[in-house]
C-alpha atoms as a PDB file:
ATOM      1  CA  MET A   1      44.895  63.718  21.439  1.00  0.00           C
ATOM      2  CA  THR A   2      42.138  63.885  18.842  1.00  0.00           C
ATOM      3  CA  LYS A   3      42.994  65.918  15.901  1.00  0.00           C
ATOM      4  CA  SER A   4      40.138  68.524  15.139  1.00  0.00           C
ATOM      5  CA  ILE A   5      38.768  68.440  11.579  1.00  0.00           C
ATOM      6  CA  ASP A   6      39.213  71.525   9.668  1.00  0.00           C
ATOM      7  CA  LYS A   7      35.911  71.874   7.980  1.00  0.00           C
ATOM      8  CA  ASN A   8      36.805  74.910   5.738  1.00  0.00           C
ATOM      9  CA  HIS A   9      38.633  72.549   3.411  1.00  0.00           C
ATOM     10  CA  LEU A  10      36.234  69.759   3.086  1.00  0.00           C
ATOM     11  CA  ASN A  11      33.842  68.860   0.373  1.00  0.00           C
ATOM     12  CA  ASP A  12      35.873  70.769  -2.386  1.00  0.00           C
ATOM     13  CA  PRO A  13      33.397  71.161  -5.250  1.00  0.00           C
ATOM     14  CA  GLU A  14      36.184  70.821  -7.824  1.00  0.00           C
ATOM     15  CA  LEU A  15      37.252  67.361  -6.342  1.00  0.00           C
ATOM     16  CA  SER A  16      35.800  64.968  -9.058  1.00  0.00           C
ATOM     17  CA  HIS A  17      34.862  61.231  -8.450  1.00  0.00           C
ATOM     18  CA  ASN A  18      38.126  60.183 -10.144  1.00  0.00           C
ATOM     19  CA  MET A  19      40.261  62.577  -8.020  1.00  0.00           C
ATOM     20  CA  VAL A  20      38.557  61.081  -4.857  1.00  0.00           C
ATOM     21  CA  HIS A  21      39.789  57.648  -5.938  1.00  0.00           C
ATOM     22  CA  TYR A  22      43.418  58.938  -6.428  1.00  0.00           C
ATOM     23  CA  LEU A  23      43.166  60.256  -2.687  1.00  0.00           C
ATOM     24  CA  LEU A  24      41.783  56.863  -1.561  1.00  0.00           C
ATOM     25  CA  THR A  25      44.353  54.991  -3.331  1.00  0.00           C
ATOM     26  CA  ILE A  26      47.198  56.914  -2.012  1.00  0.00           C
ATOM     27  CA  HIS A  27      45.665  56.490   1.580  1.00  0.00           C
ATOM     28  CA  LYS A  28      45.201  52.573   0.838  1.00  0.00           C
ATOM     29  CA  LEU A  29      48.819  52.196  -0.337  1.00  0.00           C
ATOM     30  CA  LYS A  30      50.206  54.198   2.340  1.00  0.00           C
ATOM     31  CA  GLU A  31      48.312  51.986   4.916  1.00  0.00           C
ATOM     32  CA  SER A  32      49.290  48.795   3.256  1.00  0.00           C
ATOM     33  CA  LYS A  33      52.629  49.249   1.889  1.00  0.00           C
ATOM     34  CA  GLY A  34      53.835  52.256   3.922  1.00  0.00           C
ATOM     35  CA  TYR A  35      54.329  54.249   0.587  1.00  0.00           C
ATOM     36  CA  ALA A  36      52.697  55.432  -2.540  1.00  0.00           C
ATOM     37  CA  ARG A  37      54.270  56.045  -5.743  1.00  0.00           C
ATOM     38  CA  VAL A  38      52.776  57.122  -9.277  1.00  0.00           C
ATOM     39  CA  THR A  39      53.731  53.614 -10.501  1.00  0.00           C
ATOM     40  CA  ASP A  40      51.725  51.794  -7.613  1.00  0.00           C
ATOM     41  CA  ILE A  41      48.778  54.164  -8.081  1.00  0.00           C
ATOM     42  CA  ALA A  42      48.684  53.432 -11.911  1.00  0.00           C
ATOM     43  CA  LYS A  43      48.861  49.824 -11.276  1.00  0.00           C
ATOM     44  CA  ASP A  44      46.135  49.856  -8.544  1.00  0.00           C
ATOM     45  CA  LEU A  45      43.765  51.969 -10.669  1.00  0.00           C
ATOM     46  CA  GLN A  46      44.724  50.327 -14.020  1.00  0.00           C
ATOM     47  CA  LEU A  47      45.751  53.511 -15.498  1.00  0.00           C
ATOM     48  CA  THR A  48      48.806  54.925 -17.307  1.00  0.00           C
ATOM     49  CA  LYS A  49      51.533  56.431 -15.388  1.00  0.00           C
ATOM     50  CA  GLY A  50      51.127  59.659 -17.414  1.00  0.00           C
ATOM     51  CA  SER A  51      47.535  60.178 -16.801  1.00  0.00           C
ATOM     52  CA  VAL A  52      48.270  59.348 -12.993  1.00  0.00           C
ATOM     53  CA  SER A  53      51.071  62.003 -13.016  1.00  0.00           C
ATOM     54  CA  THR A  54      48.746  64.603 -14.556  1.00  0.00           C
ATOM     55  CA  ALA A  55      46.165  63.964 -12.022  1.00  0.00           C
ATOM     56  CA  ILE A  56      48.521  63.825  -8.946  1.00  0.00           C
ATOM     57  CA  ASN A  57      50.081  67.201 -10.158  1.00  0.00           C
ATOM     58  CA  ASN A  58      46.395  68.688 -10.020  1.00  0.00           C
ATOM     59  CA  LEU A  59      46.042  67.327  -6.492  1.00  0.00           C
ATOM     60  CA  LYS A  60      49.168  68.927  -5.383  1.00  0.00           C
ATOM     61  CA  LYS A  61      48.097  72.220  -6.816  1.00  0.00           C
ATOM     62  CA  LYS A  62      44.786  71.891  -4.823  1.00  0.00           C
ATOM     63  CA  GLY A  63      46.871  71.150  -1.676  1.00  0.00           C
ATOM     64  CA  TYR A  64      45.671  67.550  -1.092  1.00  0.00           C
ATOM     65  CA  VAL A  65      48.792  65.675  -1.909  1.00  0.00           C
ATOM     66  CA  ASP A  66      52.489  66.187  -1.092  1.00  0.00           C
ATOM     67  CA  GLU A  67      55.735  64.372  -1.622  1.00  0.00           C
ATOM     68  CA  GLU A  68      58.025  63.143   1.234  1.00  0.00           C
ATOM     69  CA  ASP A  69      60.972  65.528   1.597  1.00  0.00           C
ATOM     70  CA  ASP A  70      63.584  62.734   1.287  1.00  0.00           C
ATOM     71  CA  SER A  71      62.104  60.715  -1.562  1.00  0.00           C
ATOM     72  CA  LYS A  72      59.464  61.002  -4.298  1.00  0.00           C
ATOM     73  CA  PHE A  73      56.904  59.132  -2.325  1.00  0.00           C
ATOM     74  CA  LEU A  74      53.565  60.605  -2.234  1.00  0.00           C
ATOM     75  CA  ILE A  75      51.627  61.477   0.964  1.00  0.00           C
ATOM     76  CA  LEU A  76      48.333  63.110   1.671  1.00  0.00           C
ATOM     77  CA  SER A  77      48.592  66.607   2.983  1.00  0.00           C
ATOM     78  CA  ASP A  78      46.423  67.304   6.123  1.00  0.00           C
ATOM     79  CA  LYS A  79      43.649  68.628   3.845  1.00  0.00           C
ATOM     80  CA  GLY A  80      43.877  65.399   1.754  1.00  0.00           C
ATOM     81  CA  HIS A  81      43.875  63.222   4.751  1.00  0.00           C
ATOM     82  CA  GLN A  82      40.830  64.991   6.307  1.00  0.00           C
ATOM     83  CA  GLU A  83      38.959  64.685   2.902  1.00  0.00           C
ATOM     84  CA  VAL A  84      39.725  60.933   2.848  1.00  0.00           C
ATOM     85  CA  HIS A  85      38.341  60.355   6.292  1.00  0.00           C
ATOM     86  CA  ARG A  86      35.317  62.286   5.485  1.00  0.00           C
ATOM     87  CA  ILE A  87      34.854  60.506   2.018  1.00  0.00           C
ATOM     88  CA  LEU A  88      35.183  57.130   3.940  1.00  0.00           C
ATOM     89  CA  SER A  89      32.674  58.132   6.577  1.00  0.00           C
ATOM     90  CA  SER A  90      30.145  59.102   3.996  1.00  0.00           C
ATOM     91  CA  ARG A  91      30.716  55.865   2.298  1.00  0.00           C
ATOM     92  CA  THR A  92      30.383  53.660   5.282  1.00  0.00           C
ATOM     93  CA  LEU A  93      27.036  55.548   6.318  1.00  0.00           C
ATOM     94  CA  LEU A  94      25.774  55.234   2.877  1.00  0.00           C
ATOM     95  CA  PHE A  95      26.713  51.474   2.494  1.00  0.00           C
ATOM     96  CA  TYR A  96      25.022  50.467   5.699  1.00  0.00           C
ATOM     97  CA  PHE A  97      21.905  52.707   5.146  1.00  0.00           C
ATOM     98  CA  LEU A  98      21.443  51.239   1.679  1.00  0.00           C
ATOM     99  CA  ARG A  99      22.075  47.691   2.692  1.00  0.00           C
ATOM    100  CA  ASP A 100      20.401  47.423   6.073  1.00  0.00           C
ATOM    101  CA  PHE A 101      17.702  50.044   6.000  1.00  0.00           C
ATOM    102  CA  VAL A 102      16.789  50.292   2.377  1.00  0.00           C
ATOM    103  CA  GLY A 103      17.502  46.709   1.682  1.00  0.00           C
ATOM    104  CA  VAL A 104      19.436  46.723  -1.531  1.00  0.00           C
ATOM    105  CA  SER A 105      21.930  43.999  -2.351  1.00  0.00           C
ATOM    106  CA  GLU A 106      25.564  44.376  -0.862  1.00  0.00           C
ATOM    107  CA  GLU A 107      26.922  44.780  -4.525  1.00  0.00           C
ATOM    108  CA  VAL A 108      24.348  47.696  -5.203  1.00  0.00           C
ATOM    109  CA  ALA A 109      25.192  49.363  -1.797  1.00  0.00           C
ATOM    110  CA  GLU A 110      28.754  49.109  -2.528  1.00  0.00           C
ATOM    111  CA  ASN A 111      28.464  50.715  -5.969  1.00  0.00           C
ATOM    112  CA  ASP A 112      25.922  53.371  -5.120  1.00  0.00           C
ATOM    113  CA  SER A 113      27.808  54.434  -1.800  1.00  0.00           C
ATOM    114  CA  CYS A 114      30.959  54.724  -3.903  1.00  0.00           C
ATOM    115  CA  GLN A 115      29.151  57.102  -6.318  1.00  0.00           C
ATOM    116  CA  MET A 116      27.681  59.218  -3.692  1.00  0.00           C
ATOM    117  CA  GLU A 117      30.344  59.342  -1.012  1.00  0.00           C
ATOM    118  CA  HIS A 118      31.955  62.543  -2.031  1.00  0.00           C
ATOM    119  CA  LEU A 119      28.901  64.453  -2.836  1.00  0.00           C
ATOM    120  CA  MET A 120      27.411  65.050   0.623  1.00  0.00           C
ATOM    121  CA  SER A 121      27.898  68.353   2.199  1.00  0.00           C
ATOM    122  CA  GLU A 122      29.477  68.497   5.642  1.00  0.00           C
ATOM    123  CA  GLU A 123      26.025  69.549   7.060  1.00  0.00           C
ATOM    124  CA  THR A 124      24.233  66.621   5.333  1.00  0.00           C
ATOM    125  CA  SER A 125      26.947  64.319   6.460  1.00  0.00           C
ATOM    126  CA  GLU A 126      26.606  65.069  10.204  1.00  0.00           C
ATOM    127  CA  LYS A 127      22.875  65.118  10.003  1.00  0.00           C
ATOM    128  CA  PHE A 128      22.794  61.647   8.182  1.00  0.00           C
ATOM    129  CA  PHE A 129      25.131  60.387  10.956  1.00  0.00           C
ATOM    130  CA  ASP A 130      22.836  61.650  13.678  1.00  0.00           C
ATOM    131  CA  PHE A 131      19.837  60.332  12.077  1.00  0.00           C
ATOM    132  CA  LEU A 132      21.521  56.718  11.333  1.00  0.00           C
ATOM    133  CA  LYS A 133      22.706  56.743  14.974  1.00  0.00           C
ATOM    134  CA  ASP A 134      19.247  57.461  16.333  1.00  0.00           C
ATOM    135  CA  LEU A 135      17.717  54.659  14.272  1.00  0.00           C
ATOM    136  CA  ALA A 136      20.549  52.261  14.988  1.00  0.00           C
ATOM    137  CA  CYS A 137      20.636  52.903  18.738  1.00  0.00           C
ATOM    138  CA  THR A 138      16.749  52.530  19.210  1.00  0.00           C
ATOM    139  CA  CYS A 139      17.437  48.791  19.881  1.00  0.00           C
ATOM    140  CA  GLU A 140      20.065  49.438  22.533  1.00  0.00           C
ATOM    141  CA  LYS A 141      17.751  52.187  24.160  1.00  0.00           C
ATOM    142  CA  ILE A 142      14.758  49.590  24.135  1.00  0.00           C
ATOM    143  CA  LYS A 143      17.080  46.967  25.697  1.00  0.00           C
ATOM    144  CA  GLU A 144      18.353  49.262  28.317  1.00  0.00           C
ATOM    145  CA  SER A 145      14.754  50.127  29.437  1.00  0.00           C
ATOM    146  CA  GLY A 146      13.870  46.480  29.802  1.00  0.00           C
ATOM    147  CA  GLY A 147      11.816  46.354  26.587  1.00  0.00           C
ATOM    148  CA  THR A 148      11.979  43.741  23.761  1.00  0.00           C
ATOM    149  CA  ILE A 149      12.526  44.459  20.365  1.00  0.00           C
ATOM    150  CA  PRO A 150       9.667  43.553  18.016  1.00  0.00           C
ATOM    151  CA  GLU A 151      10.665  40.787  15.490  1.00  0.00           C
ATOM    152  CA  ASN A 152       9.414  43.097  12.475  1.00  0.00           C
ATOM    153  CA  PHE A 153      11.523  46.072  13.571  1.00  0.00           C
ATOM    154  CA  LYS A 154      13.133  47.111  10.363  1.00  0.00           C
ATOM    155  CA  PHE A 155      15.555  49.752  11.797  1.00  0.00           C
ATOM    156  CA  GLN A 156      18.619  47.614  12.696  1.00  0.00           C
ATOM    157  CA  THR A 157      22.082  47.706  11.226  1.00  0.00           C
ATOM    158  CA  ALA A 158      25.391  45.852  11.660  1.00  0.00           C
ATOM    159  CA  LEU A 159      27.262  49.087  12.043  1.00  0.00           C
ATOM    160  CA  ASP A 160      27.570  49.923  15.747  1.00  0.00           C
ATOM    161  CA  LEU A 161      26.965  53.728  15.696  1.00  0.00           C
ATOM    162  CA  CYS A 162      26.182  53.745  19.435  1.00  0.00           C
ATOM    163  CA  GLN A 163      29.911  53.710  20.335  1.00  0.00           C
ATOM    164  CA  PHE A 164      30.374  57.329  18.620  1.00  0.00           C
ATOM    165  CA  LYS A 165      29.405  60.285  20.374  1.00  0.00           C
ATOM    166  CA  THR A 166      29.570  62.657  17.494  1.00  0.00           C
ATOM    167  CA  ALA A 167      29.902  62.668  13.710  1.00  0.00           C
ATOM    168  CA  ASP A 168      33.608  63.838  14.212  1.00  0.00           C
ATOM    169  CA  ASP A 169      34.381  60.719  16.261  1.00  0.00           C
ATOM    170  CA  PHE A 170      32.984  58.463  13.604  1.00  0.00           C
ATOM    171  CA  VAL A 171      34.827  60.633  11.009  1.00  0.00           C
ATOM    172  CA  GLU A 172      38.186  60.155  12.860  1.00  0.00           C
ATOM    173  CA  SER A 173      37.572  56.358  13.041  1.00  0.00           C
ATOM    174  CA  GLN A 174      37.717  55.535   9.411  1.00  0.00           C
ATOM    175  CA  ILE A 175      40.680  53.737   8.374  1.00  0.00           C
ATOM    176  CA  GLY A 176      40.113  51.591   5.401  1.00  0.00           C
ATOM    177  CA  ASP A 177      39.418  52.319   1.728  1.00  0.00           C
ATOM    178  CA  LYS A 178      36.071  50.446   1.848  1.00  0.00           C
ATOM    179  CA  HIS A 179      33.049  50.512   4.500  1.00  0.00           C
ATOM    180  CA  LEU A 180      33.944  49.623   7.999  1.00  0.00           C
ATOM    181  CA  ASP A 181      34.313  45.885   8.671  1.00  0.00           C
ATOM    182  CA  THR A 182      31.902  45.197  11.522  1.00  0.00           C
ATOM    183  CA  THR A 183      34.417  42.449  12.807  1.00  0.00           C
ATOM    184  CA  ASP A 184      36.805  45.296  13.786  1.00  0.00           C
ATOM    185  CA  ILE A 185      34.079  47.530  15.635  1.00  0.00           C
END
């Protein structure tokens, strides 16, 4: 069963770039180790445990982070989990757009997509997905109709957006803390 995204909680204007990195780090640690502790987050982000504790308490107050009942391990709340998936989706779309369509280097695309990922509104994210899907799936449409793709056709990407029916499907597919690895698609 696909979980529907609660869009009322997404794109919190009070969620800073640094706070986003705490959420992404908790997500990454939970995925890779099965747990996330303040110590692990501090080590991963190269920060002090004190500054991480302060930030985590702030994220708890905002409803993005909880603690597991039987331990002090940190977990993302539903709100936090939804925000992480939205951010990862934005980062993925931005990365491939900048690298494949705009033509910047992979390093620049990585840095710029990281800077912009949490700033897009829900409406912009959905429209951006639709726009990129239309561009990316043009090749498939040309092939299906028996045509050939011109050699100088510049609107091609390594990201297979044609497999997703909606932006919500794309958001739900986000699993890692970086852009999607096209080998997994």
